[in-house]
Amino acid sequence: MRLRVRRKCRPNTSNHSNGIVDLQADINRYLAEINANPNPNPFTSTSDPDAIIEKVRRGKQVLVRVDQLARQRAGFSNAGFPNIA
């Protein structure tokens, strides 16, 4: 049996009462600073493209394997339909 615990909502006493408005203002301020730079440096990657592709390939293999295990544990075949015994 699970017991339900009710918590009273506390009033927001922090300085973040206008969280979304503050976040939007911070984003706009950041973009203004970035765009004010007359000579921005372009992004240049120093990573090996073949290494990046290999990492993506390994990550996909892991995700496919995790999906297969989850389907097996849930009783689903690879086609997405429940296994009928």
Protein backbone atom coordinates (compact mmCIF):
# COMPACT_ATOMS: atom_id res chain seq x y z
CA MET A 1 0.00 0.00 0.00
CA ARG A 2 1.37 3.39 -0.96
CA LEU A 3 0.82 6.36 1.24
CA ARG A 4 0.07 9.64 -0.41
CA VAL A 5 1.82 12.62 1.03
CA ARG A 6 0.30 16.01 0.44
CA ARG A 7 2.64 18.93 0.39
CA LYS A 8 1.54 22.47 0.76
CA CYS A 9 2.66 24.78 -1.99
CA ARG A 10 5.05 27.34 -0.67
CA PRO A 11 4.83 30.85 -2.00
CA ASN A 12 7.64 31.83 -4.31
CA THR A 13 9.92 33.89 -2.13
CA SER A 14 12.96 33.78 -4.40
CA ASN A 15 14.08 36.51 -6.74
CA HIS A 16 12.92 34.38 -9.68
CA SER A 17 9.27 35.37 -9.58
CA ASN A 18 9.34 36.40 -13.25
CA GLY A 19 11.37 33.41 -14.41
CA ILE A 20 10.27 33.36 -18.03
CA VAL A 21 10.46 37.12 -18.43
CA ASP A 22 13.93 37.15 -16.86
CA LEU A 23 15.05 34.26 -19.08
CA GLN A 24 13.84 36.07 -22.20
CA ALA A 25 15.64 39.23 -21.12
CA ASP A 26 18.86 37.27 -20.49
CA ILE A 27 18.64 35.60 -23.90
CA ASN A 28 18.01 38.92 -25.64
CA ARG A 29 20.93 40.51 -23.76
CA TYR A 30 23.23 37.61 -24.75
CA LEU A 31 22.20 37.83 -28.41
CA ALA A 32 22.72 41.59 -28.42
CA GLU A 33 26.25 41.11 -27.06
CA ILE A 34 27.06 38.40 -29.61
CA ASN A 35 25.64 40.36 -32.53
CA ALA A 36 27.45 43.55 -31.46
CA ASN A 37 30.82 41.96 -32.22
CA PRO A 38 31.93 43.37 -35.61
CA ASN A 39 34.45 40.56 -36.21
CA PRO A 40 32.93 37.31 -34.97
CA ASN A 41 35.04 34.17 -35.19
CA PRO A 42 33.40 31.38 -37.17
CA PHE A 43 33.11 27.97 -35.54
CA THR A 44 35.83 25.60 -36.71
CA SER A 45 35.70 21.98 -35.67
CA THR A 46 38.94 20.27 -34.71
CA SER A 47 37.41 16.79 -34.47
CA ASP A 48 38.10 14.07 -37.01
CA PRO A 49 34.96 13.56 -39.14
CA ASP A 50 35.55 9.80 -39.33
CA ALA A 51 35.71 9.60 -35.52
CA ILE A 52 32.42 11.50 -35.24
CA ILE A 53 30.71 9.18 -37.73
CA GLU A 54 32.03 6.12 -35.87
CA LYS A 55 30.71 7.45 -32.55
CA VAL A 56 27.29 8.04 -34.10
CA ARG A 57 27.32 4.52 -35.54
CA ARG A 58 28.20 2.99 -32.15
CA GLY A 59 25.52 5.06 -30.45
CA LYS A 60 22.91 3.85 -32.91
CA GLN A 61 23.94 0.24 -32.30
CA VAL A 62 23.47 0.71 -28.57
CA LEU A 63 20.06 2.33 -29.04
CA VAL A 64 18.90 -0.49 -31.33
CA ARG A 65 20.05 -3.10 -28.81
CA VAL A 66 18.36 -1.31 -25.91
CA ASP A 67 15.14 -1.09 -27.94
CA GLN A 68 15.32 -4.82 -28.73
CA LEU A 69 15.81 -5.71 -25.06
CA ALA A 70 12.96 -3.43 -23.99
CA ARG A 71 10.65 -5.02 -26.56
CA GLN A 72 11.62 -8.51 -25.41
CA ARG A 73 10.95 -7.67 -21.77
CA ALA A 74 7.61 -6.06 -22.67
CA GLY A 75 6.59 -9.06 -24.78
CA PHE A 76 6.70 -7.33 -28.13
CA SER A 77 8.22 -8.75 -31.28
CA ASN A 78 10.40 -6.70 -33.61
CA ALA A 79 7.30 -5.94 -35.69
CA GLY A 80 5.79 -4.04 -32.76
CA PHE A 81 2.96 -6.50 -32.12
CA PRO A 82 2.54 -8.44 -28.84
CA ASN A 83 3.90 -11.98 -28.91
CA ILE A 84 1.03 -14.44 -28.76
CA ALA A 85 1.97 -17.74 -27.15
